[in-house]
Amino acid sequence: MVERYAYIILGSRGGGRREVLADLVDFGIPSEQPTEVIVSDGDAASWGEPLPIRHENCIVSQFAWRGIEAGLGIEPTGEAVFVVADGLADPSDFVEAFFDWLKGADYELGRIITVADCARIQKEKQLLLWYDCCIHFSDVVLLSNRKDVPNKWVDEFKDRYLKEYYPCLFEFVKKGRLSNPSLVLEPQARRISRLFDETDEFVFIDEDVEIEDEGDVDEEEEDEEFEAGDPSKDPFLARMVNGRREKTLPDVGKLIS
């Protein structure tokens, strides 16, 4: 049976995802593999022109993002599927909607990829928290729009996450191209979030086997044990009693307008 992978492309509108996406599909996916790119109607309209994809077995379609309540209404058919998150959406809402969709889909998660608009992040400091959320879920961070950004700033941006032991890969984008698209798409988890980790839904307990006292288990370790697959345990998805997120992200539409 052919493995079918779904990828998420995160990042703010205008950050260079259009060119990066074309490079990933054209040079990261075999030409004979049926592939589908699904773009939010808002981003498709902002691009104003078709994706420059030359992959002979790739189709491009759109979906309407109307918030987490409406969910992710997509029905892909390709063996490799790229879902381009709305560039003005709250990434925590989009990731949770994708998580809910994936549970009932015939796909495995390939990778979550963030295209980071370095020029805009450097200019607008409030945008950093928004990207913190994206990178929290990401296996790969692609550093885009670096032409007028000092190398020192880029290094400090990466080090901010590396010092916190984020396992994600950081790769440079040069004129919309990547040095190794296949490496970026390798379906190996490198994200710090455990939301998409597999969980054991059923555990058999033999009543004849004596179980050691677990009274000394550290509460933090216990939380980690049940974090996998549970949105309520993820720091960017957890909600308060009133239903609002514990971590509120800035409105990216206002920051980049």
C-alpha atoms as a PDB file:
ATOM      1  CA  MET A   1       0.000   0.000   0.000  1.00  0.00           C
ATOM      2  CA  VAL A   2       1.316   3.428  -0.986  1.00  0.00           C
ATOM      3  CA  GLU A   3       1.979   5.726   1.969  1.00  0.00           C
ATOM      4  CA  ARG A   4       0.038   8.959   1.660  1.00  0.00           C
ATOM      5  CA  TYR A   5       1.466  12.016   3.377  1.00  0.00           C
ATOM      6  CA  ALA A   6      -0.094  15.369   4.183  1.00  0.00           C
ATOM      7  CA  TYR A   7       2.088  18.418   4.813  1.00  0.00           C
ATOM      8  CA  ILE A   8       1.161  21.767   6.352  1.00  0.00           C
ATOM      9  CA  ILE A   9       2.816  24.975   5.159  1.00  0.00           C
ATOM     10  CA  LEU A  10       2.597  27.697   7.817  1.00  0.00           C
ATOM     11  CA  GLY A  11       3.674  31.326   7.633  1.00  0.00           C
ATOM     12  CA  SER A  12       2.301  34.829   7.253  1.00  0.00           C
ATOM     13  CA  ARG A  13       0.894  36.178   4.006  1.00  0.00           C
ATOM     14  CA  GLY A  14       3.549  37.705   1.766  1.00  0.00           C
ATOM     15  CA  GLY A  15       6.365  35.700   3.332  1.00  0.00           C
ATOM     16  CA  GLY A  16       7.450  33.821   0.214  1.00  0.00           C
ATOM     17  CA  ARG A  17       5.487  30.597   0.601  1.00  0.00           C
ATOM     18  CA  ARG A  18       4.362  30.621  -3.041  1.00  0.00           C
ATOM     19  CA  GLU A  19       7.870  30.200  -4.468  1.00  0.00           C
ATOM     20  CA  VAL A  20       9.013  27.815  -1.746  1.00  0.00           C
ATOM     21  CA  LEU A  21       5.989  25.602  -2.266  1.00  0.00           C
ATOM     22  CA  ALA A  22       6.703  25.314  -5.994  1.00  0.00           C
ATOM     23  CA  ASP A  23      10.305  24.340  -5.264  1.00  0.00           C
ATOM     24  CA  LEU A  24       9.237  21.686  -2.736  1.00  0.00           C
ATOM     25  CA  VAL A  25       6.771  20.086  -5.159  1.00  0.00           C
ATOM     26  CA  ASP A  26       8.941  20.269  -8.279  1.00  0.00           C
ATOM     27  CA  PHE A  27      12.148  19.010  -6.701  1.00  0.00           C
ATOM     28  CA  GLY A  28      11.013  17.158  -3.595  1.00  0.00           C
ATOM     29  CA  ILE A  29       8.262  14.925  -4.994  1.00  0.00           C
ATOM     30  CA  PRO A  30       8.867  12.302  -7.738  1.00  0.00           C
ATOM     31  CA  SER A  31       7.356  13.393 -11.049  1.00  0.00           C
ATOM     32  CA  GLU A  32       5.190  10.268 -11.309  1.00  0.00           C
ATOM     33  CA  GLN A  33       3.635  10.692  -7.844  1.00  0.00           C
ATOM     34  CA  PRO A  34       0.099  12.157  -7.807  1.00  0.00           C
ATOM     35  CA  THR A  35       0.338  15.376  -5.796  1.00  0.00           C
ATOM     36  CA  GLU A  36      -2.153  17.979  -4.674  1.00  0.00           C
ATOM     37  CA  VAL A  37      -1.658  21.507  -3.353  1.00  0.00           C
ATOM     38  CA  ILE A  38      -4.600  23.026  -1.497  1.00  0.00           C
ATOM     39  CA  VAL A  39      -4.414  26.767  -0.874  1.00  0.00           C
ATOM     40  CA  SER A  40      -6.761  28.975   1.118  1.00  0.00           C
ATOM     41  CA  ASP A  41      -8.868  31.168  -1.131  1.00  0.00           C
ATOM     42  CA  GLY A  42      -7.548  34.239   0.676  1.00  0.00           C
ATOM     43  CA  ASP A  43      -3.916  33.449  -0.092  1.00  0.00           C
ATOM     44  CA  ALA A  44      -4.700  32.407  -3.663  1.00  0.00           C
ATOM     45  CA  ALA A  45      -6.340  35.794  -4.219  1.00  0.00           C
ATOM     46  CA  SER A  46      -3.380  37.645  -2.689  1.00  0.00           C
ATOM     47  CA  TRP A  47      -0.900  35.839  -4.972  1.00  0.00           C
ATOM     48  CA  GLY A  48      -2.860  37.011  -7.992  1.00  0.00           C
ATOM     49  CA  GLU A  49      -1.345  34.409 -10.309  1.00  0.00           C
ATOM     50  CA  PRO A  50      -1.091  30.610 -10.486  1.00  0.00           C
ATOM     51  CA  LEU A  51       1.567  28.719  -8.569  1.00  0.00           C
ATOM     52  CA  PRO A  52       4.698  28.295 -10.741  1.00  0.00           C
ATOM     53  CA  ILE A  53       4.612  24.493 -10.351  1.00  0.00           C
ATOM     54  CA  ARG A  54       5.922  22.367 -13.232  1.00  0.00           C
ATOM     55  CA  HIS A  55       5.309  18.961 -11.607  1.00  0.00           C
ATOM     56  CA  GLU A  56       3.417  16.982 -14.265  1.00  0.00           C
ATOM     57  CA  ASN A  57       1.150  15.125 -11.804  1.00  0.00           C
ATOM     58  CA  CYS A  58       0.247  17.982  -9.471  1.00  0.00           C
ATOM     59  CA  ILE A  59      -3.152  19.612  -9.225  1.00  0.00           C
ATOM     60  CA  VAL A  60      -3.886  22.858  -7.357  1.00  0.00           C
ATOM     61  CA  SER A  61      -7.163  23.561  -5.605  1.00  0.00           C
ATOM     62  CA  GLN A  62      -8.529  25.995  -3.037  1.00  0.00           C
ATOM     63  CA  PHE A  63     -10.366  25.752   0.257  1.00  0.00           C
ATOM     64  CA  ALA A  64     -12.290  28.318   2.261  1.00  0.00           C
ATOM     65  CA  TRP A  65     -10.874  28.952   5.719  1.00  0.00           C
ATOM     66  CA  ARG A  66     -13.664  30.272   7.931  1.00  0.00           C
ATOM     67  CA  GLY A  67     -12.173  29.514  11.341  1.00  0.00           C
ATOM     68  CA  ILE A  68     -11.810  26.525  13.596  1.00  0.00           C
ATOM     69  CA  GLU A  69     -15.560  26.233  14.144  1.00  0.00           C
ATOM     70  CA  ALA A  70     -16.097  25.509  10.440  1.00  0.00           C
ATOM     71  CA  GLY A  71     -13.188  23.087  10.414  1.00  0.00           C
ATOM     72  CA  LEU A  72     -10.916  22.124   7.535  1.00  0.00           C
ATOM     73  CA  GLY A  73     -13.248  21.243   4.685  1.00  0.00           C
ATOM     74  CA  ILE A  74     -10.867  19.495   2.294  1.00  0.00           C
ATOM     75  CA  GLU A  75     -11.088  16.151   0.470  1.00  0.00           C
ATOM     76  CA  PRO A  76      -7.698  15.560  -1.168  1.00  0.00           C
ATOM     77  CA  THR A  77      -6.952  12.687  -3.528  1.00  0.00           C
ATOM     78  CA  GLY A  78      -3.212  12.928  -4.118  1.00  0.00           C
ATOM     79  CA  GLU A  79      -0.605  10.640  -2.592  1.00  0.00           C
ATOM     80  CA  ALA A  80       1.258  13.726  -1.383  1.00  0.00           C
ATOM     81  CA  VAL A  81      -0.848  16.653  -0.210  1.00  0.00           C
ATOM     82  CA  PHE A  82       0.301  20.145   0.731  1.00  0.00           C
ATOM     83  CA  VAL A  83      -2.173  22.190   2.760  1.00  0.00           C
ATOM     84  CA  VAL A  84      -1.203  25.868   2.738  1.00  0.00           C
ATOM     85  CA  ALA A  85      -2.558  27.485   5.893  1.00  0.00           C
ATOM     86  CA  ASP A  86      -4.281  30.815   5.503  1.00  0.00           C
ATOM     87  CA  GLY A  87      -1.568  33.431   5.967  1.00  0.00           C
ATOM     88  CA  LEU A  88      -3.810  35.614   8.153  1.00  0.00           C
ATOM     89  CA  ALA A  89      -5.215  32.797  10.303  1.00  0.00           C
ATOM     90  CA  ASP A  90      -4.363  32.070  13.915  1.00  0.00           C
ATOM     91  CA  PRO A  91      -1.888  29.166  13.498  1.00  0.00           C
ATOM     92  CA  SER A  92      -3.119  27.474  16.681  1.00  0.00           C
ATOM     93  CA  ASP A  93      -6.654  27.355  15.244  1.00  0.00           C
ATOM     94  CA  PHE A  94      -5.434  26.050  11.908  1.00  0.00           C
ATOM     95  CA  VAL A  95      -3.204  23.352  13.406  1.00  0.00           C
ATOM     96  CA  GLU A  96      -6.001  22.146  15.679  1.00  0.00           C
ATOM     97  CA  ALA A  97      -8.416  22.016  12.723  1.00  0.00           C
ATOM     98  CA  PHE A  98      -5.843  20.033  10.746  1.00  0.00           C
ATOM     99  CA  PHE A  99      -5.325  17.707  13.720  1.00  0.00           C
ATOM    100  CA  ASP A 100      -9.079  17.010  13.850  1.00  0.00           C
ATOM    101  CA  TRP A 101      -9.193  16.427  10.091  1.00  0.00           C
ATOM    102  CA  LEU A 102      -6.177  14.103  10.096  1.00  0.00           C
ATOM    103  CA  LYS A 103      -7.769  11.776  12.658  1.00  0.00           C
ATOM    104  CA  GLY A 104     -10.396  10.777  10.103  1.00  0.00           C
ATOM    105  CA  ALA A 105      -8.270  11.020   6.958  1.00  0.00           C
ATOM    106  CA  ASP A 106      -6.405   8.324   5.072  1.00  0.00           C
ATOM    107  CA  TYR A 107      -3.132  10.201   5.431  1.00  0.00           C
ATOM    108  CA  GLU A 108      -0.076  10.253   7.647  1.00  0.00           C
ATOM    109  CA  LEU A 109       1.418  13.553   8.721  1.00  0.00           C
ATOM    110  CA  GLY A 110       4.465  14.218   6.567  1.00  0.00           C
ATOM    111  CA  ARG A 111       5.842  17.349   8.143  1.00  0.00           C
ATOM    112  CA  ILE A 112       4.771  20.758   9.363  1.00  0.00           C
ATOM    113  CA  ILE A 113       6.837  23.444   7.656  1.00  0.00           C
ATOM    114  CA  THR A 114       7.026  27.128   8.547  1.00  0.00           C
ATOM    115  CA  VAL A 115       8.246  29.711   6.070  1.00  0.00           C
ATOM    116  CA  ALA A 116       9.551  32.502   8.302  1.00  0.00           C
ATOM    117  CA  ASP A 117       9.453  36.022   6.842  1.00  0.00           C
ATOM    118  CA  CYS A 118      12.669  37.300   8.424  1.00  0.00           C
ATOM    119  CA  ALA A 119      12.359  40.862   7.117  1.00  0.00           C
ATOM    120  CA  ARG A 120       8.889  41.317   8.529  1.00  0.00           C
ATOM    121  CA  ILE A 121       9.663  39.616  11.856  1.00  0.00           C
ATOM    122  CA  GLN A 122      12.664  41.896  12.338  1.00  0.00           C
ATOM    123  CA  LYS A 123      10.557  44.955  11.569  1.00  0.00           C
ATOM    124  CA  GLU A 124       7.498  44.006  13.634  1.00  0.00           C
ATOM    125  CA  LYS A 125       8.521  42.600  17.036  1.00  0.00           C
ATOM    126  CA  GLN A 126       4.948  41.580  17.968  1.00  0.00           C
ATOM    127  CA  LEU A 127       4.983  39.137  15.059  1.00  0.00           C
ATOM    128  CA  LEU A 128       7.544  37.002  16.912  1.00  0.00           C
ATOM    129  CA  LEU A 129       4.939  35.474  19.236  1.00  0.00           C
ATOM    130  CA  TRP A 130       2.816  34.517  16.223  1.00  0.00           C
ATOM    131  CA  TYR A 131       5.814  32.752  14.709  1.00  0.00           C
ATOM    132  CA  ASP A 132       6.647  31.175  18.065  1.00  0.00           C
ATOM    133  CA  CYS A 133       3.370  29.316  17.711  1.00  0.00           C
ATOM    134  CA  CYS A 134       4.138  28.215  14.148  1.00  0.00           C
ATOM    135  CA  ILE A 135       7.611  27.002  15.050  1.00  0.00           C
ATOM    136  CA  HIS A 136       6.326  25.188  18.149  1.00  0.00           C
ATOM    137  CA  PHE A 137       4.473  22.828  15.784  1.00  0.00           C
ATOM    138  CA  SER A 138       7.092  22.729  13.021  1.00  0.00           C
ATOM    139  CA  ASP A 139       9.562  20.082  11.928  1.00  0.00           C
ATOM    140  CA  VAL A 140      11.308  22.497   9.572  1.00  0.00           C
ATOM    141  CA  VAL A 141      11.692  26.286   9.571  1.00  0.00           C
ATOM    142  CA  LEU A 142      12.598  27.887   6.234  1.00  0.00           C
ATOM    143  CA  LEU A 143      14.221  31.283   6.650  1.00  0.00           C
ATOM    144  CA  SER A 144      12.916  33.517   3.860  1.00  0.00           C
ATOM    145  CA  ASN A 145      13.213  37.200   2.844  1.00  0.00           C
ATOM    146  CA  ARG A 146      16.694  37.668   4.318  1.00  0.00           C
ATOM    147  CA  LYS A 147      18.115  40.035   1.701  1.00  0.00           C
ATOM    148  CA  ASP A 148      18.109  43.161   3.877  1.00  0.00           C
ATOM    149  CA  VAL A 149      18.323  41.392   7.235  1.00  0.00           C
ATOM    150  CA  PRO A 150      21.693  41.312   9.048  1.00  0.00           C
ATOM    151  CA  ASN A 151      23.222  37.855   9.482  1.00  0.00           C
ATOM    152  CA  LYS A 152      23.583  38.609  13.192  1.00  0.00           C
ATOM    153  CA  TRP A 153      19.813  38.979  13.529  1.00  0.00           C
ATOM    154  CA  VAL A 154      19.185  35.704  11.667  1.00  0.00           C
ATOM    155  CA  ASP A 155      21.651  33.881  13.928  1.00  0.00           C
ATOM    156  CA  GLU A 156      19.998  35.316  17.036  1.00  0.00           C
ATOM    157  CA  PHE A 157      16.586  34.320  15.710  1.00  0.00           C
ATOM    158  CA  LYS A 158      17.684  30.703  15.283  1.00  0.00           C
ATOM    159  CA  ASP A 159      19.569  30.620  18.582  1.00  0.00           C
ATOM    160  CA  ARG A 160      16.429  31.699  20.423  1.00  0.00           C
ATOM    161  CA  TYR A 161      14.938  28.288  19.635  1.00  0.00           C
ATOM    162  CA  LEU A 162      18.096  26.204  19.629  1.00  0.00           C
ATOM    163  CA  LYS A 163      18.896  27.303  23.184  1.00  0.00           C
ATOM    164  CA  GLU A 164      15.504  25.923  24.211  1.00  0.00           C
ATOM    165  CA  TYR A 165      16.434  22.603  22.532  1.00  0.00           C
ATOM    166  CA  TYR A 166      13.942  22.837  19.687  1.00  0.00           C
ATOM    167  CA  PRO A 167      14.704  19.823  17.452  1.00  0.00           C
ATOM    168  CA  CYS A 168      13.361  21.380  14.215  1.00  0.00           C
ATOM    169  CA  LEU A 169      15.601  21.955  11.211  1.00  0.00           C
ATOM    170  CA  PHE A 170      16.452  25.499  10.099  1.00  0.00           C
ATOM    171  CA  GLU A 171      17.115  25.905   6.374  1.00  0.00           C
ATOM    172  CA  PHE A 172      17.804  28.983   4.238  1.00  0.00           C
ATOM    173  CA  VAL A 173      15.666  30.074   1.313  1.00  0.00           C
ATOM    174  CA  LYS A 174      17.622  31.737  -1.490  1.00  0.00           C
ATOM    175  CA  LYS A 175      15.596  33.451  -4.208  1.00  0.00           C
ATOM    176  CA  GLY A 176      12.663  31.166  -3.467  1.00  0.00           C
ATOM    177  CA  ARG A 177      14.782  28.010  -3.752  1.00  0.00           C
ATOM    178  CA  LEU A 178      16.008  25.412  -1.265  1.00  0.00           C
ATOM    179  CA  SER A 179      19.288  23.527  -1.314  1.00  0.00           C
ATOM    180  CA  ASN A 180      17.635  20.157  -0.632  1.00  0.00           C
ATOM    181  CA  PRO A 181      13.820  19.972  -0.965  1.00  0.00           C
ATOM    182  CA  SER A 182      13.804  16.193  -0.421  1.00  0.00           C
ATOM    183  CA  LEU A 183      15.452  16.661   2.981  1.00  0.00           C
ATOM    184  CA  VAL A 184      12.792  19.180   3.969  1.00  0.00           C
ATOM    185  CA  LEU A 185      10.018  16.732   3.063  1.00  0.00           C
ATOM    186  CA  GLU A 186      11.533  13.666   4.760  1.00  0.00           C
ATOM    187  CA  PRO A 187       8.644  12.420   6.965  1.00  0.00           C
ATOM    188  CA  GLN A 188      10.616  12.377  10.203  1.00  0.00           C
ATOM    189  CA  ALA A 189       9.169  14.170  13.223  1.00  0.00           C
ATOM    190  CA  ARG A 190      11.415  16.955  14.521  1.00  0.00           C
ATOM    191  CA  ARG A 191       8.850  19.175  16.246  1.00  0.00           C
ATOM    192  CA  ILE A 192       8.827  20.031  19.927  1.00  0.00           C
ATOM    193  CA  SER A 193       5.046  19.725  20.167  1.00  0.00           C
ATOM    194  CA  ARG A 194       3.794  16.227  20.924  1.00  0.00           C
ATOM    195  CA  LEU A 195       0.290  16.854  19.602  1.00  0.00           C
ATOM    196  CA  PHE A 196       0.706  14.536  16.623  1.00  0.00           C
ATOM    197  CA  ASP A 197       2.632  11.818  18.469  1.00  0.00           C
ATOM    198  CA  GLU A 198       1.075   8.378  18.452  1.00  0.00           C
ATOM    199  CA  THR A 199      -0.714   7.306  21.621  1.00  0.00           C
ATOM    200  CA  ASP A 200      -1.709   3.887  22.913  1.00  0.00           C
ATOM    201  CA  GLU A 201      -5.491   3.959  23.025  1.00  0.00           C
ATOM    202  CA  PHE A 202      -5.776   0.578  24.798  1.00  0.00           C
ATOM    203  CA  VAL A 203      -3.541  -0.886  27.463  1.00  0.00           C
ATOM    204  CA  PHE A 204      -4.032  -4.481  28.696  1.00  0.00           C
ATOM    205  CA  ILE A 205      -3.441  -4.975  32.405  1.00  0.00           C
ATOM    206  CA  ASP A 206      -2.837  -8.486  33.757  1.00  0.00           C
ATOM    207  CA  GLU A 207      -4.508  -8.616  37.177  1.00  0.00           C
ATOM    208  CA  ASP A 208      -2.068 -11.333  38.286  1.00  0.00           C
ATOM    209  CA  VAL A 209       0.886  -9.001  37.851  1.00  0.00           C
ATOM    210  CA  GLU A 210       1.677  -6.747  40.777  1.00  0.00           C
ATOM    211  CA  ILE A 211       1.934  -3.091  39.825  1.00  0.00           C
ATOM    212  CA  GLU A 212       4.470  -0.936  41.620  1.00  0.00           C
ATOM    213  CA  ASP A 213       3.258   2.020  43.622  1.00  0.00           C
ATOM    214  CA  GLU A 214       3.223   5.101  41.393  1.00  0.00           C
ATOM    215  CA  GLY A 215       2.640   7.575  44.173  1.00  0.00           C
ATOM    216  CA  ASP A 216       6.054   9.143  43.708  1.00  0.00           C
ATOM    217  CA  VAL A 217       5.588   9.924  40.000  1.00  0.00           C
ATOM    218  CA  ASP A 218       6.417  13.545  39.332  1.00  0.00           C
ATOM    219  CA  GLU A 219       3.369  15.582  38.241  1.00  0.00           C
ATOM    220  CA  GLU A 220       5.316  17.112  35.337  1.00  0.00           C
ATOM    221  CA  GLU A 221       6.258  13.644  34.069  1.00  0.00           C
ATOM    222  CA  GLU A 222       2.624  12.579  34.332  1.00  0.00           C
ATOM    223  CA  ASP A 223       1.540  15.603  32.268  1.00  0.00           C
ATOM    224  CA  GLU A 224       4.121  14.740  29.611  1.00  0.00           C
ATOM    225  CA  GLU A 225       2.849  11.160  29.490  1.00  0.00           C
ATOM    226  CA  PHE A 226      -0.637  12.304  28.496  1.00  0.00           C
ATOM    227  CA  GLU A 227       0.378  15.264  26.331  1.00  0.00           C
ATOM    228  CA  ALA A 228       0.590  13.224  23.121  1.00  0.00           C
ATOM    229  CA  GLY A 229      -2.552  13.504  21.046  1.00  0.00           C
ATOM    230  CA  ASP A 230      -4.292  15.790  23.538  1.00  0.00           C
ATOM    231  CA  PRO A 231      -4.834  19.414  22.395  1.00  0.00           C
ATOM    232  CA  SER A 232      -5.682  20.483  25.935  1.00  0.00           C
ATOM    233  CA  LYS A 233      -2.122  19.642  27.011  1.00  0.00           C
ATOM    234  CA  ASP A 234      -0.417  21.653  24.277  1.00  0.00           C
ATOM    235  CA  PRO A 235       0.644  25.105  25.520  1.00  0.00           C
ATOM    236  CA  PHE A 236      -0.577  26.861  22.358  1.00  0.00           C
ATOM    237  CA  LEU A 237      -3.880  24.960  22.157  1.00  0.00           C
ATOM    238  CA  ALA A 238      -4.883  24.819  25.830  1.00  0.00           C
ATOM    239  CA  ARG A 239      -8.018  26.760  26.733  1.00  0.00           C
ATOM    240  CA  MET A 240      -9.272  28.453  29.874  1.00  0.00           C
ATOM    241  CA  VAL A 241     -12.646  27.741  31.456  1.00  0.00           C
ATOM    242  CA  ASN A 242     -14.242  30.487  29.334  1.00  0.00           C
ATOM    243  CA  GLY A 243     -13.063  28.752  26.150  1.00  0.00           C
ATOM    244  CA  ARG A 244     -10.386  31.253  25.186  1.00  0.00           C
ATOM    245  CA  ARG A 245      -6.832  30.168  24.532  1.00  0.00           C
ATOM    246  CA  GLU A 246      -4.437  30.404  27.463  1.00  0.00           C
ATOM    247  CA  LYS A 247      -1.951  31.979  25.038  1.00  0.00           C
ATOM    248  CA  THR A 248      -3.468  34.739  22.929  1.00  0.00           C
ATOM    249  CA  LEU A 249      -1.690  35.477  19.662  1.00  0.00           C
ATOM    250  CA  PRO A 250      -1.587  38.881  17.976  1.00  0.00           C
ATOM    251  CA  ASP A 251      -3.760  39.529  14.920  1.00  0.00           C
ATOM    252  CA  VAL A 252      -1.269  38.986  12.125  1.00  0.00           C
ATOM    253  CA  GLY A 253      -3.521  40.787   9.652  1.00  0.00           C
ATOM    254  CA  LYS A 254      -3.100  44.043  11.568  1.00  0.00           C
ATOM    255  CA  LEU A 255       0.668  43.557  11.938  1.00  0.00           C
ATOM    256  CA  ILE A 256       1.475  43.019   8.280  1.00  0.00           C
ATOM    257  CA  SER A 257      -1.089  45.341   6.684  1.00  0.00           C
END
